[in-house]
Amino acid sequence: MTSTVPAPVRDPENWGLRHAADPTELHAVISSLPVWPWMDVTVHALSDHPVAPGPRA
């Protein structure tokens, strides 16, 4: 006889990268999505890599 242990139920995850000038703009973009009322959003701020090329003039 064999038995299996069911995997724990997890909420589906979706990761996305967004660029915004400031937190207010990011909030406006995310909160304008039709599914916003049902979303659980976590924001992780990113920074530029020290050796990344800067903006071109």
Protein backbone atom coordinates (compact mmCIF):
# COMPACT_ATOMS: atom_id res chain seq x y z
CA MET A 1 0.00 0.00 0.00
CA THR A 2 1.33 3.42 -0.88
CA SER A 3 0.18 6.76 0.33
CA THR A 4 0.96 10.27 -0.77
CA VAL A 5 1.05 13.40 1.29
CA PRO A 6 -0.75 16.24 -0.44
CA ALA A 7 1.29 19.33 -1.16
CA PRO A 8 0.39 22.38 0.89
CA VAL A 9 -2.06 24.72 -0.80
CA ARG A 10 -0.41 27.96 -1.83
CA ASP A 11 -1.74 31.12 -3.31
CA PRO A 12 -0.62 31.65 -6.90
CA GLU A 13 2.21 34.12 -7.25
CA ASN A 14 2.84 36.59 -10.00
CA TRP A 15 5.91 38.77 -10.17
CA GLY A 16 6.17 41.87 -12.33
CA LEU A 17 8.66 44.65 -12.86
CA ARG A 18 7.33 48.17 -13.10
CA HIS A 19 9.18 51.45 -13.41
CA ALA A 20 7.70 54.51 -11.77
CA ALA A 21 9.02 57.97 -10.99
CA ASP A 22 7.89 57.71 -7.36
CA PRO A 23 5.74 55.59 -5.02
CA THR A 24 2.64 57.69 -5.79
CA GLU A 25 2.86 56.93 -9.51
CA LEU A 26 3.41 53.22 -8.82
CA HIS A 27 0.38 53.11 -6.54
CA ALA A 28 -1.75 54.86 -9.17
CA VAL A 29 -0.74 52.32 -11.83
CA ILE A 30 -1.29 49.24 -9.65
CA SER A 31 -4.54 50.47 -8.10
CA SER A 32 -5.98 51.17 -11.56
CA LEU A 33 -5.94 47.44 -12.40
CA PRO A 34 -9.41 45.85 -12.55
CA VAL A 35 -8.41 43.14 -10.05
CA TRP A 36 -6.99 45.64 -7.55
CA PRO A 37 -9.70 45.01 -4.90
CA TRP A 38 -8.69 41.34 -4.72
CA MET A 39 -4.90 41.78 -4.94
CA ASP A 40 -2.41 41.38 -2.11
CA VAL A 41 0.52 43.49 -3.29
CA THR A 42 4.05 43.59 -1.92
CA VAL A 43 6.51 46.08 -3.41
CA HIS A 44 10.25 45.48 -3.36
CA ALA A 45 12.22 48.58 -4.31
CA LEU A 46 15.15 47.97 -6.66
CA SER A 47 18.22 50.09 -7.13
CA ASP A 48 20.70 50.59 -9.94
CA HIS A 49 23.68 48.27 -10.07
CA PRO A 50 26.94 50.14 -9.30
CA VAL A 51 28.48 49.22 -12.68
CA ALA A 52 25.34 49.75 -14.76
CA PRO A 53 25.73 52.43 -17.41
CA GLY A 54 24.07 55.69 -16.50
CA PRO A 55 21.51 57.57 -18.58
CA ARG A 56 22.73 58.68 -21.97
CA ALA A 57 22.70 62.37 -22.76
